Amino acid sequence: MAGISVAKSWQVIRPHVPMIKFRKGGASVTDTQVSGTSASQHAAGSAGAGKKPQVTLRPVIEDYQLPLRYRRQPIDEKEIAYINRGGPE
């Protein structure tokens, strides 16, 4: 008798559909399920086309070039001792 109620409850449960929709990012679960094969075919076709992706090179900023507000705060001797002993006693 318990098996019958479990079987009915599984028939009632619907697949999970996320309620949060992000503006940017990857495809949602339903999009990948519907167009999973076409997306993989598109990726394989674009890789074989021979076109290189556009890459924008930007200069690297070193630590000494950062503005003061983005630099790390100096660590005082008490913090160094606390870290070296492994945390609280």
PDB file of N, CA and C in Angstrom:
ATOM      1  N   MET A   1       0.809  -1.199   0.000  1.00  0.00           N
ATOM      2  CA  MET A   1       0.000   0.000   0.000  1.00  0.00           C
ATOM      3  C   MET A   1       0.857   1.270   0.000  1.00  0.00           C
ATOM      4  N   ALA A   2       1.999   1.199   0.707  1.00  0.00           N
ATOM      5  CA  ALA A   2       2.892   2.351   0.754  1.00  0.00           C
ATOM      6  C   ALA A   2       3.527   2.588  -0.613  1.00  0.00           C
ATOM      7  N   GLY A   3       3.767   1.509  -1.366  1.00  0.00           N
ATOM      8  CA  GLY A   3       4.361   1.625  -2.689  1.00  0.00           C
ATOM      9  C   GLY A   3       3.477   2.372  -3.671  1.00  0.00           C
ATOM     10  N   ILE A   4       2.184   2.231  -3.521  1.00  0.00           N
ATOM     11  CA  ILE A   4       1.248   2.904  -4.420  1.00  0.00           C
ATOM     12  C   ILE A   4       1.267   4.405  -4.187  1.00  0.00           C
ATOM     13  N   SER A   5       1.314   4.839  -2.930  1.00  0.00           N
ATOM     14  CA  SER A   5       1.310   6.273  -2.639  1.00  0.00           C
ATOM     15  C   SER A   5       2.626   6.915  -3.078  1.00  0.00           C
ATOM     16  N   VAL A   6       3.741   6.175  -2.953  1.00  0.00           N
ATOM     17  CA  VAL A   6       5.028   6.707  -3.400  1.00  0.00           C
ATOM     18  C   VAL A   6       5.021   6.871  -4.912  1.00  0.00           C
ATOM     19  N   ALA A   7       4.484   5.907  -5.621  1.00  0.00           N
ATOM     20  CA  ALA A   7       4.431   5.990  -7.076  1.00  0.00           C
ATOM     21  C   ALA A   7       3.580   7.172  -7.521  1.00  0.00           C
ATOM     22  N   LYS A   8       2.462   7.409  -6.845  1.00  0.00           N
ATOM     23  CA  LYS A   8       1.611   8.552  -7.203  1.00  0.00           C
ATOM     24  C   LYS A   8       2.311   9.870  -6.907  1.00  0.00           C
ATOM     25  N   SER A   9       3.062   9.921  -5.780  1.00  0.00           N
ATOM     26  CA  SER A   9       3.740  11.173  -5.446  1.00  0.00           C
ATOM     27  C   SER A   9       4.820  11.497  -6.461  1.00  0.00           C
ATOM     28  N   TRP A  10       5.512  10.488  -7.012  1.00  0.00           N
ATOM     29  CA  TRP A  10       6.519  10.742  -8.034  1.00  0.00           C
ATOM     30  C   TRP A  10       5.890  11.226  -9.338  1.00  0.00           C
ATOM     31  N   GLN A  11       4.666  10.845  -9.597  1.00  0.00           N
ATOM     32  CA  GLN A  11       3.990  11.311 -10.794  1.00  0.00           C
ATOM     33  C   GLN A  11       3.585  12.770 -10.659  1.00  0.00           C
ATOM     34  N   VAL A  12       3.382  13.228  -9.418  1.00  0.00           N
ATOM     35  CA  VAL A  12       2.947  14.599  -9.180  1.00  0.00           C
ATOM     36  C   VAL A  12       4.119  15.577  -9.259  1.00  0.00           C
ATOM     37  N   ILE A  13       5.338  15.133  -8.909  1.00  0.00           N
ATOM     38  CA  ILE A  13       6.502  16.011  -8.868  1.00  0.00           C
ATOM     39  C   ILE A  13       6.886  16.427 -10.283  1.00  0.00           C
ATOM     40  N   ARG A  14       7.058  17.708 -10.470  1.00  0.00           N
ATOM     41  CA  ARG A  14       7.447  18.266 -11.770  1.00  0.00           C
ATOM     42  C   ARG A  14       8.946  18.542 -11.784  1.00  0.00           C
ATOM     43  N   PRO A  15       9.557  18.602 -12.949  1.00  0.00           N
ATOM     44  CA  PRO A  15      10.984  18.936 -12.999  1.00  0.00           C
ATOM     45  C   PRO A  15      11.217  20.355 -12.487  1.00  0.00           C
ATOM     46  N   HIS A  16      12.386  20.557 -11.876  1.00  0.00           N
ATOM     47  CA  HIS A  16      12.720  21.852 -11.285  1.00  0.00           C
ATOM     48  C   HIS A  16      12.990  22.889 -12.377  1.00  0.00           C
ATOM     49  N   VAL A  17      12.339  24.010 -12.261  1.00  0.00           N
ATOM     50  CA  VAL A  17      12.568  25.149 -13.143  1.00  0.00           C
ATOM     51  C   VAL A  17      13.020  26.300 -12.264  1.00  0.00           C
ATOM     52  N   PRO A  18      14.240  26.821 -12.447  1.00  0.00           N
ATOM     53  CA  PRO A  18      14.723  27.901 -11.593  1.00  0.00           C
ATOM     54  C   PRO A  18      13.854  29.153 -11.730  1.00  0.00           C
ATOM     55  N   MET A  19      13.597  29.798 -10.588  1.00  0.00           N
ATOM     56  CA  MET A  19      12.767  30.995 -10.596  1.00  0.00           C
ATOM     57  C   MET A  19      13.597  32.252 -10.813  1.00  0.00           C
ATOM     58  N   ILE A  20      14.920  32.173 -10.562  1.00  0.00           N
ATOM     59  CA  ILE A  20      15.790  33.330 -10.726  1.00  0.00           C
ATOM     60  C   ILE A  20      16.286  33.356 -12.163  1.00  0.00           C
ATOM     61  N   LYS A  21      16.168  34.492 -12.806  1.00  0.00           N
ATOM     62  CA  LYS A  21      16.679  34.659 -14.163  1.00  0.00           C
ATOM     63  C   LYS A  21      17.750  35.742 -14.128  1.00  0.00           C
ATOM     64  N   PHE A  22      18.963  35.385 -14.545  1.00  0.00           N
ATOM     65  CA  PHE A  22      20.063  36.323 -14.552  1.00  0.00           C
ATOM     66  C   PHE A  22      20.109  37.050 -15.884  1.00  0.00           C
ATOM     67  N   ARG A  23      20.542  38.299 -15.835  1.00  0.00           N
ATOM     68  CA  ARG A  23      20.609  39.085 -17.065  1.00  0.00           C
ATOM     69  C   ARG A  23      21.764  38.638 -17.944  1.00  0.00           C
ATOM     70  N   LYS A  24      22.889  38.305 -17.325  1.00  0.00           N
ATOM     71  CA  LYS A  24      24.052  37.879 -18.092  1.00  0.00           C
ATOM     72  C   LYS A  24      24.465  36.509 -17.595  1.00  0.00           C
ATOM     73  N   GLY A  25      25.246  35.822 -18.378  1.00  0.00           N
ATOM     74  CA  GLY A  25      25.751  34.523 -17.959  1.00  0.00           C
ATOM     75  C   GLY A  25      25.396  33.454 -18.959  1.00  0.00           C
ATOM     76  N   GLY A  26      25.532  32.225 -18.501  1.00  0.00           N
ATOM     77  CA  GLY A  26      25.306  31.084 -19.371  1.00  0.00           C
ATOM     78  C   GLY A  26      23.831  30.868 -19.633  1.00  0.00           C
ATOM     79  N   ALA A  27      23.567  29.891 -20.466  1.00  0.00           N
ATOM     80  CA  ALA A  27      22.193  29.553 -20.819  1.00  0.00           C
ATOM     81  C   ALA A  27      21.514  28.897 -19.624  1.00  0.00           C
ATOM     82  N   SER A  28      20.219  29.032 -19.536  1.00  0.00           N
ATOM     83  CA  SER A  28      19.484  28.417 -18.442  1.00  0.00           C
ATOM     84  C   SER A  28      19.371  26.919 -18.677  1.00  0.00           C
ATOM     85  N   VAL A  29      18.881  26.212 -17.676  1.00  0.00           N
ATOM     86  CA  VAL A  29      18.780  24.751 -17.762  1.00  0.00           C
ATOM     87  C   VAL A  29      17.859  24.346 -18.901  1.00  0.00           C
ATOM     88  N   THR A  30      16.738  25.025 -19.054  1.00  0.00           N
ATOM     89  CA  THR A  30      15.792  24.649 -20.107  1.00  0.00           C
ATOM     90  C   THR A  30      16.373  24.922 -21.489  1.00  0.00           C
ATOM     91  N   ASP A  31      17.177  25.984 -21.637  1.00  0.00           N
ATOM     92  CA  ASP A  31      17.790  26.277 -22.935  1.00  0.00           C
ATOM     93  C   ASP A  31      18.789  25.200 -23.328  1.00  0.00           C
ATOM     94  N   THR A  32      19.581  24.714 -22.359  1.00  0.00           N
ATOM     95  CA  THR A  32      20.575  23.700 -22.693  1.00  0.00           C
ATOM     96  C   THR A  32      19.917  22.370 -22.983  1.00  0.00           C
ATOM     97  N   GLN A  33      18.789  22.077 -22.336  1.00  0.00           N
ATOM     98  CA  GLN A  33      18.107  20.822 -22.609  1.00  0.00           C
ATOM     99  C   GLN A  33      17.467  20.838 -23.986  1.00  0.00           C
ATOM    100  N   VAL A  34      16.913  21.956 -24.376  1.00  0.00           N
ATOM    101  CA  VAL A  34      16.219  22.043 -25.660  1.00  0.00           C
ATOM    102  C   VAL A  34      17.208  22.092 -26.805  1.00  0.00           C
ATOM    103  N   SER A  35      18.228  22.943 -26.691  1.00  0.00           N
ATOM    104  CA  SER A  35      19.137  23.148 -27.808  1.00  0.00           C
ATOM    105  C   SER A  35      20.536  22.633 -27.514  1.00  0.00           C
ATOM    106  N   GLY A  36      20.665  21.592 -26.719  1.00  0.00           N
ATOM    107  CA  GLY A  36      21.977  21.061 -26.359  1.00  0.00           C
ATOM    108  C   GLY A  36      22.745  20.549 -27.547  1.00  0.00           C
ATOM    109  N   THR A  37      22.095  19.839 -28.432  1.00  0.00           N
ATOM    110  CA  THR A  37      22.794  19.292 -29.582  1.00  0.00           C
ATOM    111  C   THR A  37      23.126  20.380 -30.592  1.00  0.00           C
ATOM    112  N   SER A  38      22.243  21.326 -30.783  1.00  0.00           N
ATOM    113  CA  SER A  38      22.535  22.373 -31.760  1.00  0.00           C
ATOM    114  C   SER A  38      23.645  23.289 -31.270  1.00  0.00           C
ATOM    115  N   ALA A  39      23.744  23.501 -29.954  1.00  0.00           N
ATOM    116  CA  ALA A  39      24.818  24.332 -29.418  1.00  0.00           C
ATOM    117  C   ALA A  39      26.170  23.661 -29.599  1.00  0.00           C
ATOM    118  N   SER A  40      26.231  22.341 -29.377  1.00  0.00           N
ATOM    119  CA  SER A  40      27.498  21.650 -29.568  1.00  0.00           C
ATOM    120  C   SER A  40      27.878  21.613 -31.047  1.00  0.00           C
ATOM    121  N   GLN A  41      26.911  21.488 -31.933  1.00  0.00           N
ATOM    122  CA  GLN A  41      27.207  21.499 -33.359  1.00  0.00           C
ATOM    123  C   GLN A  41      27.694  22.876 -33.795  1.00  0.00           C
ATOM    124  N   HIS A  42      27.108  23.920 -33.235  1.00  0.00           N
ATOM    125  CA  HIS A  42      27.518  25.280 -33.569  1.00  0.00           C
ATOM    126  C   HIS A  42      28.941  25.537 -33.097  1.00  0.00           C
ATOM    127  N   ALA A  43      29.289  25.077 -31.891  1.00  0.00           N
ATOM    128  CA  ALA A  43      30.635  25.278 -31.371  1.00  0.00           C
ATOM    129  C   ALA A  43      31.658  24.540 -32.223  1.00  0.00           C
ATOM    130  N   ALA A  44      31.329  23.330 -32.642  1.00  0.00           N
ATOM    131  CA  ALA A  44      32.249  22.565 -33.482  1.00  0.00           C
ATOM    132  C   ALA A  44      32.394  23.219 -34.856  1.00  0.00           C
ATOM    133  N   GLY A  45      31.326  23.760 -35.385  1.00  0.00           N
ATOM    134  CA  GLY A  45      31.378  24.402 -36.690  1.00  0.00           C
ATOM    135  C   GLY A  45      32.161  25.694 -36.661  1.00  0.00           C
ATOM    136  N   SER A  46      32.037  26.472 -35.599  1.00  0.00           N
ATOM    137  CA  SER A  46      32.753  27.737 -35.519  1.00  0.00           C
ATOM    138  C   SER A  46      34.238  27.516 -35.282  1.00  0.00           C
ATOM    139  N   ALA A  47      34.601  26.417 -34.586  1.00  0.00           N
ATOM    140  CA  ALA A  47      36.010  26.146 -34.350  1.00  0.00           C
ATOM    141  C   ALA A  47      36.694  25.731 -35.644  1.00  0.00           C
ATOM    142  N   GLY A  48      35.988  25.050 -36.507  1.00  0.00           N
ATOM    143  CA  GLY A  48      36.559  24.597 -37.759  1.00  0.00           C
ATOM    144  C   GLY A  48      36.566  25.668 -38.833  1.00  0.00           C
ATOM    145  N   ALA A  49      35.955  26.800 -38.598  1.00  0.00           N
ATOM    146  CA  ALA A  49      35.850  27.837 -39.614  1.00  0.00           C
ATOM    147  C   ALA A  49      37.181  28.528 -39.855  1.00  0.00           C
ATOM    148  N   GLY A  50      38.124  28.462 -38.878  1.00  0.00           N
ATOM    149  CA  GLY A  50      39.426  29.060 -39.069  1.00  0.00           C
ATOM    150  C   GLY A  50      39.517  30.504 -38.629  1.00  0.00           C
ATOM    151  N   LYS A  51      38.473  31.076 -38.094  1.00  0.00           N
ATOM    152  CA  LYS A  51      38.512  32.451 -37.614  1.00  0.00           C
ATOM    153  C   LYS A  51      39.040  32.474 -36.190  1.00  0.00           C
ATOM    154  N   LYS A  52      39.934  33.415 -35.914  1.00  0.00           N
ATOM    155  CA  LYS A  52      40.472  33.546 -34.563  1.00  0.00           C
ATOM    156  C   LYS A  52      39.606  34.530 -33.774  1.00  0.00           C
ATOM    157  N   PRO A  53      39.397  34.270 -32.488  1.00  0.00           N
ATOM    158  CA  PRO A  53      38.606  35.198 -31.677  1.00  0.00           C
ATOM    159  C   PRO A  53      39.363  36.508 -31.463  1.00  0.00           C
ATOM    160  N   GLN A  54      38.612  37.581 -31.316  1.00  0.00           N
ATOM    161  CA  GLN A  54      39.199  38.887 -31.066  1.00  0.00           C
ATOM    162  C   GLN A  54      39.689  38.955 -29.627  1.00  0.00           C
ATOM    163  N   VAL A  55      40.965  39.249 -29.421  1.00  0.00           N
ATOM    164  CA  VAL A  55      41.550  39.357 -28.091  1.00  0.00           C
ATOM    165  C   VAL A  55      42.095  40.760 -27.933  1.00  0.00           C
ATOM    166  N   THR A  56      41.654  41.420 -26.867  1.00  0.00           N
ATOM    167  CA  THR A  56      42.133  42.767 -26.585  1.00  0.00           C
ATOM    168  C   THR A  56      43.219  42.690 -25.526  1.00  0.00           C
ATOM    169  N   LEU A  57      44.428  43.124 -25.856  1.00  0.00           N
ATOM    170  CA  LEU A  57      45.526  43.129 -24.905  1.00  0.00           C
ATOM    171  C   LEU A  57      45.523  44.457 -24.158  1.00  0.00           C
ATOM    172  N   ARG A  58      45.613  44.358 -22.845  1.00  0.00           N
ATOM    173  CA  ARG A  58      45.633  45.547 -22.011  1.00  0.00           C
ATOM    174  C   ARG A  58      46.901  45.551 -21.185  1.00  0.00           C
ATOM    175  N   PRO A  59      47.351  46.722 -20.745  1.00  0.00           N
ATOM    176  CA  PRO A  59      48.586  46.766 -19.957  1.00  0.00           C
ATOM    177  C   PRO A  59      48.384  46.135 -18.575  1.00  0.00           C
ATOM    178  N   VAL A  60      49.468  45.573 -18.044  1.00  0.00           N
ATOM    179  CA  VAL A  60      49.442  44.962 -16.726  1.00  0.00           C
ATOM    180  C   VAL A  60      49.814  46.021 -15.702  1.00  0.00           C
ATOM    181  N   ILE A  61      49.053  46.071 -14.614  1.00  0.00           N
ATOM    182  CA  ILE A  61      49.335  47.033 -13.552  1.00  0.00           C
ATOM    183  C   ILE A  61      50.063  46.312 -12.432  1.00  0.00           C
ATOM    184  N   GLU A  62      51.239  46.783 -12.079  1.00  0.00           N
ATOM    185  CA  GLU A  62      52.027  46.200 -10.992  1.00  0.00           C
ATOM    186  C   GLU A  62      51.551  46.740  -9.646  1.00  0.00           C
ATOM    187  N   ASP A  63      51.984  46.087  -8.573  1.00  0.00           N
ATOM    188  CA  ASP A  63      51.560  46.485  -7.221  1.00  0.00           C
ATOM    189  C   ASP A  63      51.918  47.930  -6.907  1.00  0.00           C
ATOM    190  N   TYR A  64      53.111  48.349  -7.289  1.00  0.00           N
ATOM    191  CA  TYR A  64      53.543  49.700  -6.954  1.00  0.00           C
ATOM    192  C   TYR A  64      52.807  50.770  -7.768  1.00  0.00           C
ATOM    193  N   GLN A  65      52.112  50.385  -8.824  1.00  0.00           N
ATOM    194  CA  GLN A  65      51.382  51.333  -9.652  1.00  0.00           C
ATOM    195  C   GLN A  65      49.942  51.532  -9.187  1.00  0.00           C
ATOM    196  N   LEU A  66      49.472  50.713  -8.240  1.00  0.00           N
ATOM    197  CA  LEU A  66      48.095  50.818  -7.776  1.00  0.00           C
ATOM    198  C   LEU A  66      47.871  52.098  -6.977  1.00  0.00           C
ATOM    199  N   PRO A  67      46.697  52.693  -7.089  1.00  0.00           N
ATOM    200  CA  PRO A  67      46.372  53.815  -6.217  1.00  0.00           C
ATOM    201  C   PRO A  67      46.320  53.351  -4.765  1.00  0.00           C
ATOM    202  N   LEU A  68      46.501  54.282  -3.834  1.00  0.00           N
ATOM    203  CA  LEU A  68      46.568  53.933  -2.412  1.00  0.00           C
ATOM    204  C   LEU A  68      45.320  53.204  -1.928  1.00  0.00           C
ATOM    205  N   ARG A  69      44.163  53.553  -2.437  1.00  0.00           N
ATOM    206  CA  ARG A  69      42.935  52.939  -1.939  1.00  0.00           C
ATOM    207  C   ARG A  69      42.814  51.467  -2.315  1.00  0.00           C
ATOM    208  N   TYR A  70      43.563  50.995  -3.347  1.00  0.00           N
ATOM    209  CA  TYR A  70      43.517  49.601  -3.753  1.00  0.00           C
ATOM    210  C   TYR A  70      44.685  48.778  -3.214  1.00  0.00           C
ATOM    211  N   ARG A  71      45.636  49.418  -2.552  1.00  0.00           N
ATOM    212  CA  ARG A  71      46.780  48.692  -2.020  1.00  0.00           C
ATOM    213  C   ARG A  71      46.415  47.982  -0.729  1.00  0.00           C
ATOM    214  N   ARG A  72      47.179  46.937  -0.418  1.00  0.00           N
ATOM    215  CA  ARG A  72      46.981  46.213   0.835  1.00  0.00           C
ATOM    216  C   ARG A  72      47.394  47.080   2.008  1.00  0.00           C
ATOM    217  N   GLN A  73      46.670  46.913   3.113  1.00  0.00           N
ATOM    218  CA  GLN A  73      47.033  47.621   4.328  1.00  0.00           C
ATOM    219  C   GLN A  73      48.248  46.930   4.939  1.00  0.00           C
ATOM    220  N   PRO A  74      49.178  47.705   5.527  1.00  0.00           N
ATOM    221  CA  PRO A  74      50.339  47.064   6.157  1.00  0.00           C
ATOM    222  C   PRO A  74      49.908  46.251   7.388  1.00  0.00           C
ATOM    223  N   ILE A  75      50.618  45.150   7.648  1.00  0.00           N
ATOM    224  CA  ILE A  75      50.314  44.287   8.783  1.00  0.00           C
ATOM    225  C   ILE A  75      51.230  44.678   9.930  1.00  0.00           C
ATOM    226  N   ASP A  76      50.643  44.887  11.114  1.00  0.00           N
ATOM    227  CA  ASP A  76      51.476  45.257  12.262  1.00  0.00           C
ATOM    228  C   ASP A  76      52.018  43.997  12.945  1.00  0.00           C
ATOM    229  N   GLU A  77      52.912  44.184  13.915  1.00  0.00           N
ATOM    230  CA  GLU A  77      53.598  43.074  14.568  1.00  0.00           C
ATOM    231  C   GLU A  77      52.643  42.151  15.319  1.00  0.00           C
ATOM    232  N   LYS A  78      51.561  42.685  15.892  1.00  0.00           N
ATOM    233  CA  LYS A  78      50.608  41.845  16.620  1.00  0.00           C
ATOM    234  C   LYS A  78      49.916  40.864  15.663  1.00  0.00           C
ATOM    235  N   GLU A  79      49.547  41.335  14.475  1.00  0.00           N
ATOM    236  CA  GLU A  79      48.915  40.464  13.492  1.00  0.00           C
ATOM    237  C   GLU A  79      49.883  39.401  12.993  1.00  0.00           C
ATOM    238  N   ILE A  80      51.139  39.768  12.798  1.00  0.00           N
ATOM    239  CA  ILE A  80      52.148  38.806  12.356  1.00  0.00           C
ATOM    240  C   ILE A  80      52.323  37.711  13.388  1.00  0.00           C
ATOM    241  N   ALA A  81      52.407  38.092  14.669  1.00  0.00           N
ATOM    242  CA  ALA A  81      52.552  37.097  15.740  1.00  0.00           C
ATOM    243  C   ALA A  81      51.334  36.188  15.804  1.00  0.00           C
ATOM    244  N   TYR A  82      50.132  36.745  15.633  1.00  0.00           N
ATOM    245  CA  TYR A  82      48.891  35.967  15.671  1.00  0.00           C
ATOM    246  C   TYR A  82      48.866  34.941  14.542  1.00  0.00           C
ATOM    247  N   ILE A  83      49.281  35.349  13.355  1.00  0.00           N
ATOM    248  CA  ILE A  83      49.313  34.452  12.204  1.00  0.00           C
ATOM    249  C   ILE A  83      50.358  33.351  12.406  1.00  0.00           C
ATOM    250  N   ASN A  84      51.534  33.746  12.899  1.00  0.00           N
ATOM    251  CA  ASN A  84      52.618  32.788  13.058  1.00  0.00           C
ATOM    252  C   ASN A  84      52.339  31.734  14.116  1.00  0.00           C
ATOM    253  N   ARG A  85      51.581  32.083  15.145  1.00  0.00           N
ATOM    254  CA  ARG A  85      51.299  31.080  16.177  1.00  0.00           C
ATOM    255  C   ARG A  85      50.124  30.182  15.799  1.00  0.00           C
ATOM    256  N   GLY A  86      49.417  30.471  14.685  1.00  0.00           N
ATOM    257  CA  GLY A  86      48.384  29.596  14.197  1.00  0.00           C
ATOM    258  C   GLY A  86      46.971  30.008  14.602  1.00  0.00           C
ATOM    259  N   GLY A  87      46.782  31.202  15.079  1.00  0.00           N
ATOM    260  CA  GLY A  87      45.445  31.641  15.437  1.00  0.00           C
ATOM    261  C   GLY A  87      45.242  31.708  16.941  1.00  0.00           C
ATOM    262  N   PRO A  88      43.998  31.634  17.390  1.00  0.00           N
ATOM    263  CA  PRO A  88      43.738  31.767  18.819  1.00  0.00           C
ATOM    264  C   PRO A  88      44.298  30.581  19.602  1.00  0.00           C
ATOM    265  N   GLU A  89      44.583  30.809  20.849  1.00  0.00           N
ATOM    266  CA  GLU A  89      45.155  29.748  21.693  1.00  0.00           C
ATOM    267  C   GLU A  89      44.112  28.807  22.202  1.00  0.00           C
TER     268      GLU A  89
END
